[in-house]
Amino acid sequence: LRQVVRTSAGGGRVRVRLSNLFGTTPLTLGAAHVGVSAGGAHVQP
């Protein structure tokens, strides 16, 4: 899945929070990435 967000404030480091609040089983994520959006589903090289 790829999702885009628009920040409010800037900074030099970033971290991401993920939630399984309504899950009924453990949620396993095999990988996660963050980058600058280049529009649509694209990530800036």
PDB file of all heavy atoms in Angstrom:
ATOM      1  N   LEU A   1       0.858  -1.181   0.000  1.00  0.00           N
ATOM      2  CA  LEU A   1       0.000   0.000   0.000  1.00  0.00           C
ATOM      3  C   LEU A   1       0.895   1.232   0.000  1.00  0.00           C
ATOM      4  O   LEU A   1       1.926   1.250   0.678  1.00  0.00           O
ATOM      5  CB  LEU A   1      -0.883   0.054   1.244  1.00  0.00           C
ATOM      6  CG  LEU A   1      -1.780  -1.119   1.595  1.00  0.00           C
ATOM      7  CD1 LEU A   1      -1.051  -2.090   2.517  1.00  0.00           C
ATOM      8  CD2 LEU A   1      -3.035  -0.623   2.288  1.00  0.00           C
ATOM      9  N   ARG A   2       0.505   2.249  -0.734  1.00  0.00           N
ATOM     10  CA  ARG A   2       1.233   3.526  -0.708  1.00  0.00           C
ATOM     11  C   ARG A   2       0.239   4.638  -0.434  1.00  0.00           C
ATOM     12  O   ARG A   2      -0.777   4.768  -1.120  1.00  0.00           O
ATOM     13  CB  ARG A   2       1.982   3.771  -2.013  1.00  0.00           C
ATOM     14  CG  ARG A   2       2.734   5.114  -2.055  1.00  0.00           C
ATOM     15  CD  ARG A   2       3.759   5.129  -3.182  1.00  0.00           C
ATOM     16  NE  ARG A   2       4.861   4.203  -2.904  1.00  0.00           N
ATOM     17  CZ  ARG A   2       5.793   3.846  -3.800  1.00  0.00           C
ATOM     18  NH1 ARG A   2       5.735   4.325  -5.028  1.00  0.00           N
ATOM     19  NH2 ARG A   2       6.756   3.006  -3.458  1.00  0.00           N
ATOM     20  N   GLN A   3       0.550   5.454   0.580  1.00  0.00           N
ATOM     21  CA  GLN A   3      -0.338   6.533   0.997  1.00  0.00           C
ATOM     22  C   GLN A   3       0.462   7.829   1.077  1.00  0.00           C
ATOM     23  O   GLN A   3       1.628   7.820   1.462  1.00  0.00           O
ATOM     24  CB  GLN A   3      -0.951   6.206   2.357  1.00  0.00           C
ATOM     25  CG  GLN A   3      -1.728   4.895   2.333  1.00  0.00           C
ATOM     26  CD  GLN A   3      -2.162   4.432   3.715  1.00  0.00           C
ATOM     27  OE1 GLN A   3      -3.145   4.929   4.244  1.00  0.00           O
ATOM     28  NE2 GLN A   3      -1.442   3.482   4.286  1.00  0.00           N
ATOM     29  N   VAL A   4      -0.189   8.939   0.717  1.00  0.00           N
ATOM     30  CA  VAL A   4       0.503  10.228   0.737  1.00  0.00           C
ATOM     31  C   VAL A   4      -0.088  11.112   1.822  1.00  0.00           C
ATOM     32  O   VAL A   4      -1.271  11.038   2.145  1.00  0.00           O
ATOM     33  CB  VAL A   4       0.453  10.930  -0.630  1.00  0.00           C
ATOM     34  CG1 VAL A   4       1.163  10.110  -1.687  1.00  0.00           C
ATOM     35  CG2 VAL A   4      -0.979  11.214  -1.055  1.00  0.00           C
ATOM     36  N   VAL A   5       0.758  11.941   2.395  1.00  0.00           N
ATOM     37  CA  VAL A   5       0.357  12.862   3.454  1.00  0.00           C
ATOM     38  C   VAL A   5       1.016  14.209   3.193  1.00  0.00           C
ATOM     39  O   VAL A   5       2.098  14.278   2.608  1.00  0.00           O
ATOM     40  CB  VAL A   5       0.778  12.344   4.849  1.00  0.00           C
ATOM     41  CG1 VAL A   5       0.264  10.935   5.074  1.00  0.00           C
ATOM     42  CG2 VAL A   5       2.290  12.374   5.048  1.00  0.00           C
ATOM     43  N   ARG A   6       0.357  15.265   3.622  1.00  0.00           N
ATOM     44  CA  ARG A   6       0.971  16.601   3.565  1.00  0.00           C
ATOM     45  C   ARG A   6       1.307  17.033   4.978  1.00  0.00           C
ATOM     46  O   ARG A   6       0.438  17.119   5.846  1.00  0.00           O
ATOM     47  CB  ARG A   6       0.038  17.631   2.908  1.00  0.00           C
ATOM     48  CG  ARG A   6       0.694  19.003   2.739  1.00  0.00           C
ATOM     49  CD  ARG A   6      -0.266  20.031   2.159  1.00  0.00           C
ATOM     50  NE  ARG A   6      -0.607  19.747   0.788  1.00  0.00           N
ATOM     51  CZ  ARG A   6       0.123  20.097  -0.271  1.00  0.00           C
ATOM     52  NH1 ARG A   6       1.272  20.739  -0.093  1.00  0.00           N
ATOM     53  NH2 ARG A   6      -0.278  19.801  -1.488  1.00  0.00           N
ATOM     54  N   THR A   7       2.567  17.321   5.218  1.00  0.00           N
ATOM     55  CA  THR A   7       3.013  17.720   6.546  1.00  0.00           C
ATOM     56  C   THR A   7       2.482  19.110   6.891  1.00  0.00           C
ATOM     57  O   THR A   7       2.045  19.870   6.025  1.00  0.00           O
ATOM     58  CB  THR A   7       4.548  17.732   6.623  1.00  0.00           C
ATOM     59  OG1 THR A   7       5.059  18.725   5.711  1.00  0.00           O
ATOM     60  CG2 THR A   7       5.124  16.368   6.271  1.00  0.00           C
ATOM     61  N   SER A   8       2.542  19.451   8.180  1.00  0.00           N
ATOM     62  CA  SER A   8       2.258  20.820   8.604  1.00  0.00           C
ATOM     63  C   SER A   8       3.565  21.555   8.883  1.00  0.00           C
ATOM     64  O   SER A   8       3.836  22.596   8.301  1.00  0.00           O
ATOM     65  CB  SER A   8       1.341  20.832   9.833  1.00  0.00           C
ATOM     66  OG  SER A   8       1.857  20.037  10.877  1.00  0.00           O
ATOM     67  N   ALA A   9       4.414  21.001   9.742  1.00  0.00           N
ATOM     68  CA  ALA A   9       5.711  21.603  10.070  1.00  0.00           C
ATOM     69  C   ALA A   9       6.836  20.735   9.510  1.00  0.00           C
ATOM     70  O   ALA A   9       6.658  19.540   9.261  1.00  0.00           O
ATOM     71  CB  ALA A   9       5.857  21.733  11.582  1.00  0.00           C
ATOM     72  N   GLY A  10       8.000  21.337   9.320  1.00  0.00           N
ATOM     73  CA  GLY A  10       9.150  20.632   8.790  1.00  0.00           C
ATOM     74  C   GLY A  10      10.160  20.273   9.864  1.00  0.00           C
ATOM     75  O   GLY A  10      10.060  20.682  11.019  1.00  0.00           O
ATOM     76  N   GLY A  11      11.158  19.486   9.463  1.00  0.00           N
ATOM     77  CA  GLY A  11      12.218  19.078  10.382  1.00  0.00           C
ATOM     78  C   GLY A  11      13.273  18.286   9.646  1.00  0.00           C
ATOM     79  O   GLY A  11      13.127  17.975   8.456  1.00  0.00           O
ATOM     80  N   GLY A  12      14.337  17.935  10.361  1.00  0.00           N
ATOM     81  CA  GLY A  12      15.461  17.236   9.754  1.00  0.00           C
ATOM     82  C   GLY A  12      15.396  15.725   9.865  1.00  0.00           C
ATOM     83  O   GLY A  12      16.140  15.020   9.183  1.00  0.00           O
ATOM     84  N   ARG A  13      14.511  15.225  10.722  1.00  0.00           N
ATOM     85  CA  ARG A  13      14.342  13.779  10.868  1.00  0.00           C
ATOM     86  C   ARG A  13      12.855  13.475  10.894  1.00  0.00           C
ATOM     87  O   ARG A  13      12.031  14.332  11.248  1.00  0.00           O
ATOM     88  CB  ARG A  13      14.996  13.279  12.161  1.00  0.00           C
ATOM     89  CG  ARG A  13      16.460  13.638  12.306  1.00  0.00           C
ATOM     90  CD  ARG A  13      16.981  13.218  13.679  1.00  0.00           C
ATOM     91  NE  ARG A  13      17.410  11.829  13.699  1.00  0.00           N
ATOM     92  CZ  ARG A  13      17.522  11.093  14.806  1.00  0.00           C
ATOM     93  NH1 ARG A  13      17.170  11.604  15.986  1.00  0.00           N
ATOM     94  NH2 ARG A  13      17.954   9.855  14.744  1.00  0.00           N
ATOM     95  N   VAL A  14      12.509  12.250  10.540  1.00  0.00           N
ATOM     96  CA  VAL A  14      11.104  11.870  10.466  1.00  0.00           C
ATOM     97  C   VAL A  14      10.928  10.457  11.007  1.00  0.00           C
ATOM     98  O   VAL A  14      11.831   9.620  10.916  1.00  0.00           O
ATOM     99  CB  VAL A  14      10.579  11.977   9.010  1.00  0.00           C
ATOM    100  CG1 VAL A  14      11.317  11.005   8.095  1.00  0.00           C
ATOM    101  CG2 VAL A  14       9.083  11.748   8.943  1.00  0.00           C
ATOM    102  N   ARG A  15       9.779  10.207  11.615  1.00  0.00           N
ATOM    103  CA  ARG A  15       9.389   8.858  12.018  1.00  0.00           C
ATOM    104  C   ARG A  15       7.885   8.720  11.795  1.00  0.00           C
ATOM    105  O   ARG A  15       7.157   9.714  11.709  1.00  0.00           O
ATOM    106  CB  ARG A  15       9.768   8.578  13.470  1.00  0.00           C
ATOM    107  CG  ARG A  15       9.053   9.426  14.502  1.00  0.00           C
ATOM    108  CD  ARG A  15       9.661   9.254  15.893  1.00  0.00           C
ATOM    109  NE  ARG A  15       8.876   9.981  16.894  1.00  0.00           N
ATOM    110  CZ  ARG A  15       9.290  10.201  18.155  1.00  0.00           C
ATOM    111  NH1 ARG A  15      10.463   9.731  18.561  1.00  0.00           N
ATOM    112  NH2 ARG A  15       8.509  10.868  19.003  1.00  0.00           N
ATOM    113  N   VAL A  16       7.447   7.467  11.707  1.00  0.00           N
ATOM    114  CA  VAL A  16       6.071   7.165  11.324  1.00  0.00           C
ATOM    115  C   VAL A  16       5.437   6.279  12.380  1.00  0.00           C
ATOM    116  O   VAL A  16       6.077   5.345  12.896  1.00  0.00           O
ATOM    117  CB  VAL A  16       6.053   6.466   9.943  1.00  0.00           C
ATOM    118  CG1 VAL A  16       4.687   5.890   9.632  1.00  0.00           C
ATOM    119  CG2 VAL A  16       6.492   7.437   8.855  1.00  0.00           C
ATOM    120  N   ARG A  17       4.183   6.559  12.725  1.00  0.00           N
ATOM    121  CA  ARG A  17       3.420   5.723  13.653  1.00  0.00           C
ATOM    122  C   ARG A  17       2.364   4.940  12.883  1.00  0.00           C
ATOM    123  O   ARG A  17       1.661   5.488  12.036  1.00  0.00           O
ATOM    124  CB  ARG A  17       2.744   6.568  14.741  1.00  0.00           C
ATOM    125  CG  ARG A  17       3.719   7.168  15.728  1.00  0.00           C
ATOM    126  CD  ARG A  17       3.026   7.888  16.871  1.00  0.00           C
ATOM    127  NE  ARG A  17       4.000   8.497  17.741  1.00  0.00           N
ATOM    128  CZ  ARG A  17       4.514   7.913  18.832  1.00  0.00           C
ATOM    129  NH1 ARG A  17       4.078   6.698  19.174  1.00  0.00           N
ATOM    130  NH2 ARG A  17       5.415   8.528  19.568  1.00  0.00           N
ATOM    131  N   LEU A  18       2.250   3.661  13.226  1.00  0.00           N
ATOM    132  CA  LEU A  18       1.307   2.756  12.594  1.00  0.00           C
ATOM    133  C   LEU A  18       0.405   2.158  13.660  1.00  0.00           C
ATOM    134  O   LEU A  18       0.842   1.903  14.784  1.00  0.00           O
ATOM    135  CB  LEU A  18       2.050   1.650  11.847  1.00  0.00           C
ATOM    136  CG  LEU A  18       3.078   2.129  10.817  1.00  0.00           C
ATOM    137  CD1 LEU A  18       3.907   0.963  10.301  1.00  0.00           C
ATOM    138  CD2 LEU A  18       2.381   2.845   9.668  1.00  0.00           C
ATOM    139  N   SER A  19      -0.848   1.915  13.295  1.00  0.00           N
ATOM    140  CA  SER A  19      -1.837   1.480  14.278  1.00  0.00           C
ATOM    141  C   SER A  19      -2.525   0.190  13.849  1.00  0.00           C
ATOM    142  O   SER A  19      -2.903   0.020  12.681  1.00  0.00           O
ATOM    143  CB  SER A  19      -2.905   2.568  14.474  1.00  0.00           C
ATOM    144  OG  SER A  19      -3.939   2.113  15.323  1.00  0.00           O
ATOM    145  N   ASN A  20      -2.706  -0.702  14.821  1.00  0.00           N
ATOM    146  CA  ASN A  20      -3.523  -1.915  14.652  1.00  0.00           C
ATOM    147  C   ASN A  20      -4.678  -1.852  15.659  1.00  0.00           C
ATOM    148  O   ASN A  20      -5.073  -2.866  16.228  1.00  0.00           O
ATOM    149  CB  ASN A  20      -2.667  -3.157  14.877  1.00  0.00           C
ATOM    150  CG  ASN A  20      -3.359  -4.442  14.442  1.00  0.00           C
ATOM    151  OD1 ASN A  20      -4.246  -4.438  13.593  1.00  0.00           O
ATOM    152  ND2 ASN A  20      -2.968  -5.556  15.036  1.00  0.00           N
ATOM    153  N   LEU A  21      -5.211  -0.640  15.871  1.00  0.00           N
ATOM    154  CA  LEU A  21      -6.195  -0.411  16.926  1.00  0.00           C
ATOM    155  C   LEU A  21      -7.405  -1.328  16.804  1.00  0.00           C
ATOM    156  O   LEU A  21      -7.910  -1.836  17.799  1.00  0.00           O
ATOM    157  CB  LEU A  21      -6.637   1.058  16.902  1.00  0.00           C
ATOM    158  CG  LEU A  21      -7.662   1.471  17.963  1.00  0.00           C
ATOM    159  CD1 LEU A  21      -7.076   1.314  19.364  1.00  0.00           C
ATOM    160  CD2 LEU A  21      -8.116   2.915  17.733  1.00  0.00           C
ATOM    161  N   PHE A  22      -7.899  -1.541  15.593  1.00  0.00           N
ATOM    162  CA  PHE A  22      -9.115  -2.331  15.396  1.00  0.00           C
ATOM    163  C   PHE A  22      -8.827  -3.745  14.887  1.00  0.00           C
ATOM    164  O   PHE A  22      -9.761  -4.500  14.598  1.00  0.00           O
ATOM    165  CB  PHE A  22     -10.062  -1.607  14.444  1.00  0.00           C
ATOM    166  CG  PHE A  22     -10.570  -0.304  14.996  1.00  0.00           C
ATOM    167  CD1 PHE A  22      -9.968   0.894  14.646  1.00  0.00           C
ATOM    168  CD2 PHE A  22     -11.624  -0.281  15.879  1.00  0.00           C
ATOM    169  CE1 PHE A  22     -10.420   2.099  15.159  1.00  0.00           C
ATOM    170  CE2 PHE A  22     -12.089   0.924  16.408  1.00  0.00           C
ATOM    171  CZ  PHE A  22     -11.479   2.111  16.043  1.00  0.00           C
ATOM    172  N   GLY A  23      -7.561  -4.100  14.787  1.00  0.00           N
ATOM    173  CA  GLY A  23      -7.208  -5.424  14.312  1.00  0.00           C
ATOM    174  C   GLY A  23      -7.598  -6.509  15.304  1.00  0.00           C
ATOM    175  O   GLY A  23      -7.599  -6.294  16.513  1.00  0.00           O
ATOM    176  N   THR A  24      -7.915  -7.676  14.790  1.00  0.00           N
ATOM    177  CA  THR A  24      -8.274  -8.823  15.632  1.00  0.00           C
ATOM    178  C   THR A  24      -7.150  -9.831  15.732  1.00  0.00           C
ATOM    179  O   THR A  24      -7.226 -10.776  16.514  1.00  0.00           O
ATOM    180  CB  THR A  24      -9.529  -9.519  15.070  1.00  0.00           C
ATOM    181  OG1 THR A  24      -9.277  -9.912  13.711  1.00  0.00           O
ATOM    182  CG2 THR A  24     -10.729  -8.577  15.111  1.00  0.00           C
ATOM    183  N   THR A  25      -6.117  -9.641  14.940  1.00  0.00           N
ATOM    184  CA  THR A  25      -4.933 -10.502  14.958  1.00  0.00           C
ATOM    185  C   THR A  25      -3.698  -9.616  14.873  1.00  0.00           C
ATOM    186  O   THR A  25      -3.791  -8.439  14.493  1.00  0.00           O
ATOM    187  CB  THR A  25      -4.942 -11.471  13.759  1.00  0.00           C
ATOM    188  OG1 THR A  25      -4.938 -10.705  12.543  1.00  0.00           O
ATOM    189  CG2 THR A  25      -6.157 -12.390  13.793  1.00  0.00           C
ATOM    190  N   PRO A  26      -2.510 -10.145  15.201  1.00  0.00           N
ATOM    191  CA  PRO A  26      -1.293  -9.350  15.035  1.00  0.00           C
ATOM    192  C   PRO A  26      -1.126  -8.896  13.579  1.00  0.00           C
ATOM    193  O   PRO A  26      -1.434  -9.641  12.645  1.00  0.00           O
ATOM    194  CB  PRO A  26      -0.181 -10.313  15.460  1.00  0.00           C
ATOM    195  CG  PRO A  26      -0.853 -11.273  16.388  1.00  0.00           C
ATOM    196  CD  PRO A  26      -2.240 -11.450  15.834  1.00  0.00           C
ATOM    197  N   LEU A  27      -0.673  -7.665  13.426  1.00  0.00           N
ATOM    198  CA  LEU A  27      -0.406  -7.088  12.107  1.00  0.00           C
ATOM    199  C   LEU A  27       1.092  -7.179  11.841  1.00  0.00           C
ATOM    200  O   LEU A  27       1.888  -6.581  12.573  1.00  0.00           O
ATOM    201  CB  LEU A  27      -0.855  -5.625  12.073  1.00  0.00           C
ATOM    202  CG  LEU A  27      -0.361  -4.771  10.896  1.00  0.00           C
ATOM    203  CD1 LEU A  27      -0.954  -5.268   9.582  1.00  0.00           C
ATOM    204  CD2 LEU A  27      -0.699  -3.297  11.131  1.00  0.00           C
ATOM    205  N   THR A  28       1.478  -7.908  10.806  1.00  0.00           N
ATOM    206  CA  THR A  28       2.880  -8.002  10.430  1.00  0.00           C
ATOM    207  C   THR A  28       3.118  -7.199   9.163  1.00  0.00           C
ATOM    208  O   THR A  28       2.437  -7.391   8.150  1.00  0.00           O
ATOM    209  CB  THR A  28       3.298  -9.457  10.199  1.00  0.00           C
ATOM    210  OG1 THR A  28       3.190 -10.181  11.431  1.00  0.00           O
ATOM    211  CG2 THR A  28       4.746  -9.538   9.716  1.00  0.00           C
ATOM    212  N   LEU A  29       4.074  -6.291   9.255  1.00  0.00           N
ATOM    213  CA  LEU A  29       4.521  -5.525   8.099  1.00  0.00           C
ATOM    214  C   LEU A  29       5.931  -5.985   7.762  1.00  0.00           C
ATOM    215  O   LEU A  29       6.831  -5.929   8.600  1.00  0.00           O
ATOM    216  CB  LEU A  29       4.502  -4.029   8.411  1.00  0.00           C
ATOM    217  CG  LEU A  29       3.118  -3.450   8.728  1.00  0.00           C
ATOM    218  CD1 LEU A  29       3.233  -2.013   9.203  1.00  0.00           C
ATOM    219  CD2 LEU A  29       2.216  -3.535   7.502  1.00  0.00           C
ATOM    220  N   GLY A  30       6.111  -6.457   6.542  1.00  0.00           N
ATOM    221  CA  GLY A  30       7.410  -6.975   6.147  1.00  0.00           C
ATOM    222  C   GLY A  30       8.393  -5.899   5.775  1.00  0.00           C
ATOM    223  O   GLY A  30       9.609  -6.124   5.808  1.00  0.00           O
ATOM    224  N   ALA A  31       7.885  -4.708   5.404  1.00  0.00           N
ATOM    225  CA  ALA A  31       8.751  -3.584   5.033  1.00  0.00           C
ATOM    226  C   ALA A  31       7.928  -2.317   5.059  1.00  0.00           C
ATOM    227  O   ALA A  31       6.706  -2.339   4.870  1.00  0.00           O
ATOM    228  CB  ALA A  31       9.354  -3.795   3.643  1.00  0.00           C
ATOM    229  N   ALA A  32       8.624  -1.201   5.303  1.00  0.00           N
ATOM    230  CA  ALA A  32       7.986   0.112   5.273  1.00  0.00           C
ATOM    231  C   ALA A  32       9.008   1.122   4.776  1.00  0.00           C
ATOM    232  O   ALA A  32      10.195   1.045   5.132  1.00  0.00           O
ATOM    233  CB  ALA A  32       7.471   0.507   6.655  1.00  0.00           C
ATOM    234  N   HIS A  33       8.546   2.055   3.945  1.00  0.00           N
ATOM    235  CA  HIS A  33       9.431   3.083   3.389  1.00  0.00           C
ATOM    236  C   HIS A  33       8.743   4.435   3.468  1.00  0.00           C
ATOM    237  O   HIS A  33       7.514   4.537   3.465  1.00  0.00           O
ATOM    238  CB  HIS A  33       9.764   2.774   1.923  1.00  0.00           C
ATOM    239  CG  HIS A  33      10.782   1.709   1.731  1.00  0.00           C
ATOM    240  ND1 HIS A  33      11.960   1.900   1.032  1.00  0.00           N
ATOM    241  CD2 HIS A  33      10.816   0.419   2.145  1.00  0.00           C
ATOM    242  CE1 HIS A  33      12.667   0.788   1.016  1.00  0.00           C
ATOM    243  NE2 HIS A  33      11.985  -0.140   1.684  1.00  0.00           N
ATOM    244  N   VAL A  34       9.558   5.493   3.504  1.00  0.00           N
ATOM    245  CA  VAL A  34       9.048   6.859   3.412  1.00  0.00           C
ATOM    246  C   VAL A  34       9.933   7.625   2.444  1.00  0.00           C
ATOM    247  O   VAL A  34      11.156   7.433   2.396  1.00  0.00           O
ATOM    248  CB  VAL A  34       9.017   7.553   4.792  1.00  0.00           C
ATOM    249  CG1 VAL A  34      10.415   7.702   5.382  1.00  0.00           C
ATOM    250  CG2 VAL A  34       8.332   8.920   4.711  1.00  0.00           C
ATOM    251  N   GLY A  35       9.319   8.481   1.652  1.00  0.00           N
ATOM    252  CA  GLY A  35      10.059   9.321   0.720  1.00  0.00           C
ATOM    253  C   GLY A  35       9.232  10.529   0.348  1.00  0.00           C
ATOM    254  O   GLY A  35       8.073  10.669   0.753  1.00  0.00           O
ATOM    255  N   VAL A  36       9.818  11.400  -0.442  1.00  0.00           N
ATOM    256  CA  VAL A  36       9.118  12.592  -0.906  1.00  0.00           C
ATOM    257  C   VAL A  36       8.262  12.222  -2.108  1.00  0.00           C
ATOM    258  O   VAL A  36       8.733  11.599  -3.062  1.00  0.00           O
ATOM    259  CB  VAL A  36      10.117  13.700  -1.271  1.00  0.00           C
ATOM    260  CG1 VAL A  36       9.405  14.917  -1.847  1.00  0.00           C
ATOM    261  CG2 VAL A  36      10.950  14.088  -0.052  1.00  0.00           C
ATOM    262  N   SER A  37       6.985  12.577  -2.057  1.00  0.00           N
ATOM    263  CA  SER A  37       6.084  12.272  -3.159  1.00  0.00           C
ATOM    264  C   SER A  37       6.443  13.100  -4.388  1.00  0.00           C
ATOM    265  O   SER A  37       6.751  14.290  -4.294  1.00  0.00           O
ATOM    266  CB  SER A  37       4.641  12.562  -2.748  1.00  0.00           C
ATOM    267  OG  SER A  37       3.772  12.450  -3.861  1.00  0.00           O
ATOM    268  N   ALA A  38       6.368  12.440  -5.550  1.00  0.00           N
ATOM    269  CA  ALA A  38       6.550  13.128  -6.817  1.00  0.00           C
ATOM    270  C   ALA A  38       5.224  13.223  -7.566  1.00  0.00           C
ATOM    271  O   ALA A  38       5.191  13.423  -8.777  1.00  0.00           O
ATOM    272  CB  ALA A  38       7.590  12.408  -7.670  1.00  0.00           C
ATOM    273  N   GLY A  39       4.121  13.071  -6.830  1.00  0.00           N
ATOM    274  CA  GLY A  39       2.796  13.130  -7.422  1.00  0.00           C
ATOM    275  C   GLY A  39       2.260  11.742  -7.704  1.00  0.00           C
ATOM    276  O   GLY A  39       3.014  10.832  -8.076  1.00  0.00           O
ATOM    277  N   GLY A  40       0.975  11.564  -7.504  1.00  0.00           N
ATOM    278  CA  GLY A  40       0.375  10.252  -7.710  1.00  0.00           C
ATOM    279  C   GLY A  40       1.041   9.212  -6.835  1.00  0.00           C
ATOM    280  O   GLY A  40       1.301   9.435  -5.652  1.00  0.00           O
ATOM    281  N   ALA A  41       1.323   8.046  -7.407  1.00  0.00           N
ATOM    282  CA  ALA A  41       1.984   6.968  -6.665  1.00  0.00           C
ATOM    283  C   ALA A  41       3.496   7.017  -6.811  1.00  0.00           C
ATOM    284  O   ALA A  41       4.188   6.079  -6.427  1.00  0.00           O
ATOM    285  CB  ALA A  41       1.458   5.623  -7.152  1.00  0.00           C
ATOM    286  N   HIS A  42       4.024   8.113  -7.346  1.00  0.00           N
ATOM    287  CA  HIS A  42       5.454   8.234  -7.604  1.00  0.00           C
ATOM    288  C   HIS A  42       6.203   8.751  -6.373  1.00  0.00           C
ATOM    289  O   HIS A  42       5.687   9.575  -5.618  1.00  0.00           O
ATOM    290  CB  HIS A  42       5.722   9.183  -8.772  1.00  0.00           C
ATOM    291  CG  HIS A  42       5.078   8.773 -10.056  1.00  0.00           C
ATOM    292  ND1 HIS A  42       5.699   7.985 -10.997  1.00  0.00           N
ATOM    293  CD2 HIS A  42       3.846   9.031 -10.553  1.00  0.00           C
ATOM    294  CE1 HIS A  42       4.888   7.785 -12.013  1.00  0.00           C
ATOM    295  NE2 HIS A  42       3.753   8.415 -11.774  1.00  0.00           N
ATOM    296  N   VAL A  43       7.448   8.295  -6.207  1.00  0.00           N
ATOM    297  CA  VAL A  43       8.343   8.785  -5.164  1.00  0.00           C
ATOM    298  C   VAL A  43       9.524   9.468  -5.832  1.00  0.00           C
ATOM    299  O   VAL A  43      10.097   8.955  -6.812  1.00  0.00           O
ATOM    300  CB  VAL A  43       8.838   7.628  -4.265  1.00  0.00           C
ATOM    301  CG1 VAL A  43       9.870   8.125  -3.251  1.00  0.00           C
ATOM    302  CG2 VAL A  43       7.660   6.985  -3.542  1.00  0.00           C
ATOM    303  N   GLN A  44       9.890  10.633  -5.333  1.00  0.00           N
ATOM    304  CA  GLN A  44      10.987  11.410  -5.905  1.00  0.00           C
ATOM    305  C   GLN A  44      12.288  10.619  -5.845  1.00  0.00           C
ATOM    306  O   GLN A  44      12.668  10.124  -4.779  1.00  0.00           O
ATOM    307  CB  GLN A  44      11.127  12.716  -5.135  1.00  0.00           C
ATOM    308  CG  GLN A  44      12.169  13.659  -5.678  1.00  0.00           C
ATOM    309  CD  GLN A  44      12.152  14.980  -4.923  1.00  0.00           C
ATOM    310  OE1 GLN A  44      11.131  15.647  -4.848  1.00  0.00           O
ATOM    311  NE2 GLN A  44      13.275  15.340  -4.337  1.00  0.00           N
ATOM    312  N   PRO A  45      12.997  10.465  -6.953  1.00  0.00           N
ATOM    313  CA  PRO A  45      14.251   9.699  -6.949  1.00  0.00           C
ATOM    314  C   PRO A  45      15.247  10.240  -5.924  1.00  0.00           C
ATOM    315  O   PRO A  45      15.393  11.456  -5.765  1.00  0.00           O
ATOM    316  CB  PRO A  45      14.775   9.872  -8.378  1.00  0.00           C
ATOM    317  CG  PRO A  45      13.557  10.160  -9.196  1.00  0.00           C
ATOM    318  CD  PRO A  45      12.652  10.964  -8.298  1.00  0.00           C
TER     319      PRO A  45
END
